[in-house]
Protein backbone atom coordinates (compact mmCIF):
# COMPACT_ATOMS: atom_id res chain seq x y z
CA MET A 1 0.00 0.00 0.00
CA THR A 2 1.39 3.42 -1.00
CA PHE A 3 -0.10 6.71 0.08
CA GLN A 4 0.19 10.16 -1.39
CA ARG A 5 0.74 13.10 0.93
CA ALA A 6 -2.35 13.84 3.02
CA ARG A 7 -3.33 17.43 2.30
CA SER A 8 -6.68 17.95 4.01
CA ALA A 9 -7.66 17.51 7.66
CA GLU A 10 -9.89 14.62 6.61
CA GLN A 11 -7.02 12.90 4.82
CA ARG A 12 -4.71 13.37 7.79
CA GLU A 13 -7.32 11.92 10.13
CA GLU A 14 -7.83 8.98 7.79
CA ARG A 15 -4.07 8.40 7.80
CA ARG A 16 -4.04 8.39 11.61
CA ARG A 17 -6.88 5.87 11.69
CA THR A 18 -5.07 3.65 9.22
CA ILE A 19 -1.92 3.66 11.36
CA LEU A 20 -3.94 2.85 14.49
CA ASP A 21 -5.95 0.10 12.79
CA THR A 22 -2.79 -1.44 11.38
CA ALA A 23 -1.09 -1.41 14.78
CA LEU A 24 -4.17 -2.99 16.33
CA ALA A 25 -4.10 -5.76 13.71
CA MET A 26 -0.45 -6.37 14.57
CA LEU A 27 -1.41 -6.79 18.24
CA ASP A 28 -3.70 -9.62 17.22
CA GLU A 29 -0.60 -11.38 15.88
CA MET A 30 2.11 -10.45 18.36
CA PRO A 31 2.65 -9.02 21.87
CA VAL A 32 3.22 -5.34 22.50
CA ALA A 33 6.96 -5.93 22.90
CA ASP A 34 7.24 -7.21 19.31
CA VAL A 35 5.42 -4.30 17.62
CA SER A 36 8.11 -2.23 15.94
CA LEU A 37 7.86 1.10 14.18
CA ASN A 38 9.69 -0.36 11.18
CA GLU A 39 7.14 -3.15 10.71
CA LEU A 40 4.23 -0.80 11.33
CA SER A 41 5.58 1.58 8.69
CA ARG A 42 6.03 -1.27 6.22
CA ARG A 43 2.48 -2.50 6.69
CA VAL A 44 0.98 0.97 6.42
CA GLY A 45 3.02 1.70 3.32
CA LEU A 46 4.74 4.81 4.66
CA ALA A 47 8.32 5.66 5.45
CA LYS A 48 9.00 5.62 9.17
CA SER A 49 9.61 9.38 9.06
CA ASN A 50 6.12 9.85 7.62
CA VAL A 51 4.49 7.73 10.33
CA LEU A 52 6.23 10.01 12.83
CA ARG A 53 4.40 12.97 11.28
CA TYR A 54 1.21 11.56 12.81
CA PHE A 55 2.50 9.95 16.01
CA GLU A 56 5.60 11.01 17.88
CA SER A 57 6.73 7.43 18.59
CA ARG A 58 5.75 3.78 18.57
CA GLU A 59 4.70 4.19 22.19
CA ALA A 60 2.38 7.07 21.29
CA VAL A 61 0.56 4.82 18.83
CA LEU A 62 0.15 2.09 21.43
CA LEU A 63 -0.88 4.53 24.16
CA GLU A 64 -3.68 5.81 21.95
CA LEU A 65 -4.73 2.23 21.24
CA LEU A 66 -4.86 1.58 24.98
CA ASP A 67 -7.07 4.62 25.46
CA ARG A 68 -9.40 3.43 22.70
CA ALA A 69 -9.47 -0.14 24.01
CA LEU A 70 -10.30 1.00 27.54
CA ARG A 71 -13.20 3.13 26.31
CA ASP A 72 -14.53 0.27 24.19
CA TRP A 73 -14.27 -2.13 27.12
CA LEU A 74 -16.12 0.20 29.47
CA GLY A 75 -19.00 0.37 27.01
CA GLU A 76 -19.14 -3.41 26.76
CA VAL A 77 -18.68 -4.33 30.42
CA ALA A 78 -21.68 -2.22 31.40
CA GLY A 79 -23.90 -4.62 29.47
CA GLU A 80 -22.09 -7.66 30.86
CA LEU A 81 -22.66 -6.43 34.41
CA ALA A 82 -26.34 -5.79 33.70
CA GLU A 83 -26.68 -9.44 32.64
CA GLY A 84 -24.42 -10.94 35.29
CA VAL A 85 -25.20 -9.12 38.53
CA ASP A 86 -28.59 -9.22 40.24
CA VAL A 87 -28.93 -6.03 42.28
CA ASN A 88 -31.33 -7.80 44.64
CA LEU A 89 -28.67 -10.20 45.94
CA PRO A 90 -27.00 -9.68 49.32
CA ALA A 91 -24.00 -7.36 49.29
CA GLY A 92 -21.38 -10.09 49.53
CA GLU A 93 -22.82 -12.02 46.60
CA ARG A 94 -23.10 -8.86 44.51
CA ALA A 95 -19.47 -8.04 45.24
CA GLU A 96 -18.41 -11.53 44.19
CA ARG A 97 -20.43 -11.48 40.98
CA PHE A 98 -19.26 -7.98 40.12
CA SER A 99 -15.65 -9.08 40.60
CA THR A 100 -16.15 -12.20 38.51
CA VAL A 101 -17.83 -10.41 35.62
CA VAL A 102 -15.20 -7.66 35.47
CA ALA A 103 -12.30 -10.11 35.77
CA HIS A 104 -13.53 -12.46 33.07
CA SER A 105 -14.43 -9.54 30.82
CA LEU A 106 -10.87 -8.19 31.05
CA ALA A 107 -9.24 -11.60 30.72
CA ARG A 108 -11.05 -12.23 27.43
CA ARG A 109 -9.53 -9.08 25.97
CA THR A 110 -5.92 -10.17 25.68
CA VAL A 111 -4.81 -7.15 23.64
CA LEU A 112 -6.23 -4.78 26.24
CA CYS A 113 -4.52 -6.70 29.06
CA ASP A 114 -1.21 -6.68 27.20
CA LEU A 115 -1.46 -2.91 26.72
CA ILE A 116 -2.39 -2.37 30.38
CA GLY A 117 0.58 -4.52 31.39
CA ALA A 118 2.90 -2.35 29.30
CA GLN A 119 1.42 1.02 30.25
CA ALA A 120 3.65 2.27 33.05
CA GLY A 121 6.87 0.51 32.07
CA VAL A 122 6.75 1.02 28.28
CA LEU A 123 3.92 3.07 26.83
CA GLU A 124 4.37 6.12 29.04
CA HIS A 125 8.03 6.36 28.01
CA ASN A 126 9.34 7.98 24.82
CA VAL A 127 6.23 10.17 24.63
CA SER A 128 5.71 13.86 25.33
CA THR A 129 4.16 15.32 28.44
CA ASP A 130 1.20 16.47 26.35
CA ALA A 131 0.57 12.92 25.15
CA VAL A 132 0.64 11.57 28.71
CA VAL A 133 -1.64 14.37 29.94
CA ARG A 134 -4.20 13.53 27.24
CA PHE A 135 -4.08 9.86 28.10
CA LYS A 136 -4.27 10.42 31.86
CA ARG A 137 -7.27 12.74 31.52
CA SER A 138 -9.09 10.14 29.46
CA ALA A 139 -8.05 7.42 31.91
CA LEU A 140 -9.46 9.44 34.81
CA ALA A 141 -12.77 9.75 32.99
CA GLY A 142 -12.71 5.99 32.42
CA LEU A 143 -12.02 5.31 36.09
CA ASP A 144 -14.94 7.56 37.02
CA ALA A 145 -17.18 5.56 34.69
CA MET A 146 -15.97 2.27 36.15
CA ALA A 147 -16.48 3.59 39.67
CA ASP A 148 -20.03 4.59 38.74
CA LEU A 149 -20.65 1.01 37.65
CA MET A 150 -19.27 -0.29 40.92
CA ARG A 151 -21.47 2.07 42.92
CA GLN A 152 -24.45 0.92 40.87
CA TYR A 153 -23.93 -2.76 41.71
CA VAL A 154 -21.99 -2.57 44.98
CA PRO A 155 -22.93 0.76 46.57
CA GLU A 156 -21.50 -0.57 49.83
CA ALA A 157 -18.02 0.16 48.42
CA GLY A 158 -18.89 3.81 49.00
CA GLU A 159 -16.22 6.46 48.56
CA GLN A 160 -13.57 3.81 47.95
CA ALA A 161 -15.00 2.85 44.54
CA ALA A 162 -12.62 5.01 42.50
CA SER A 163 -9.57 3.81 44.45
CA ILE A 164 -10.66 0.19 44.03
CA CYS A 165 -11.02 0.66 40.27
CA LEU A 166 -7.56 2.21 39.98
CA LEU A 167 -6.02 -0.64 41.96
CA ALA A 168 -7.96 -3.15 39.85
CA MET A 169 -6.36 -1.79 36.67
CA ILE A 170 -2.90 -1.91 38.25
CA LEU A 171 -3.61 -5.45 39.44
CA THR A 172 -4.70 -6.42 35.93
CA GLY A 173 -1.40 -5.26 34.47
CA GLY A 174 0.67 -7.03 37.10
CA LEU A 175 -1.27 -10.27 36.91
CA TRP A 176 -1.16 -10.25 33.11
CA THR A 177 2.63 -10.40 33.24
CA HIS A 178 2.70 -12.87 36.12
CA CYS A 179 0.18 -15.21 34.49
CA ARG A 180 2.33 -15.57 31.37
CA PRO A 181 5.30 -17.48 32.82
CA SER A 182 8.52 -18.10 30.96
CA PRO A 183 9.34 -21.58 29.64
CA SER A 184 11.74 -22.01 32.56
CA ALA A 185 9.01 -21.12 35.06
CA LEU A 186 6.58 -23.54 33.42
CA ALA A 187 9.22 -26.26 33.61
CA ALA A 188 9.72 -25.46 37.29
CA TYR A 189 6.00 -25.86 37.99
CA GLU A 190 6.07 -29.24 36.27
CA ALA A 191 9.20 -30.33 38.09
CA ASP A 192 7.91 -29.38 41.54
CA PRO A 193 4.12 -29.69 42.06
CA ALA A 194 4.50 -27.86 45.39
CA LEU A 195 4.96 -24.67 43.36
CA ALA A 196 1.51 -24.96 41.78
CA ALA A 197 0.08 -22.24 44.04
CA LEU A 198 2.34 -19.74 42.27
CA HIS A 199 1.04 -20.67 38.81
CA LEU A 200 -1.91 -18.30 38.47
CA ASP A 201 -4.68 -18.07 35.91
CA LEU A 202 -5.63 -14.49 35.09
CA ALA A 203 -9.42 -14.47 35.38
CA PRO A 204 -9.81 -16.26 38.75
CA ALA A 205 -6.78 -14.49 40.25
CA LEU A 206 -8.09 -11.08 39.18
CA ALA A 207 -11.60 -11.89 40.41
CA HIS A 208 -10.20 -12.93 43.80
CA GLY A 209 -8.07 -9.80 44.07
CA LEU A 210 -10.93 -7.49 43.11
CA LYS A 211 -13.25 -9.19 45.58
CA LEU A 212 -10.69 -8.70 48.35
CA LEU A 213 -10.42 -5.00 47.50
CA ILE A 214 -14.19 -4.54 47.56
CA SER A 215 -14.62 -6.59 50.74
CA GLY A 216 -11.96 -4.52 52.46
CA ALA A 217 -13.72 -1.30 51.48
CA MET A 218 -17.06 -2.65 52.64
CA SER A 219 -15.66 -3.67 56.02
CA THR A 220 -14.36 -0.15 56.70
CA ALA A 221 -17.33 1.78 55.31
């Protein structure tokens, strides 16, 4: 694919969307760590210097994809919670079901989890302050929306809802990395069954962690 120079605002926006869509397609094939600016440029059909006219770095592309993926997920998980959590259940059961729905919803979205896992250590580096400010403002709005959902289904979490949601996202990123062990770690689990407790599966581990966070907030409310 070869592009001519984008001259209008509409053409420039179309070029940006093409770069983002191409990077997203690459994430369906490979982890964040393997997405390179050279390969992205090749697939888009632009010189690397031209891609950098639209995004300041590889990380800026991925940070914008994370922002988009988080917003898409928030729209979808609202419906999943409506189907999966009965507001008439006792508080403890609602907290458990809320945690389970959110955890399994995130775990199904492997690209989103990979981007969350790379956010602090990779995506927020090699980008400008302005780019981080834009992302953080959008992330705050997303956390507010997630906290609103928590208050809808588990109002007992009270004023701690926003803090719980922030910690849940951080927990997601950490667990994503931890739940993808190296070949050596997998071999160690096989060699010594006593280590099995350290071999975590993302969805149940995240659900358990989120439930503990909510239960802790409820106990101090």
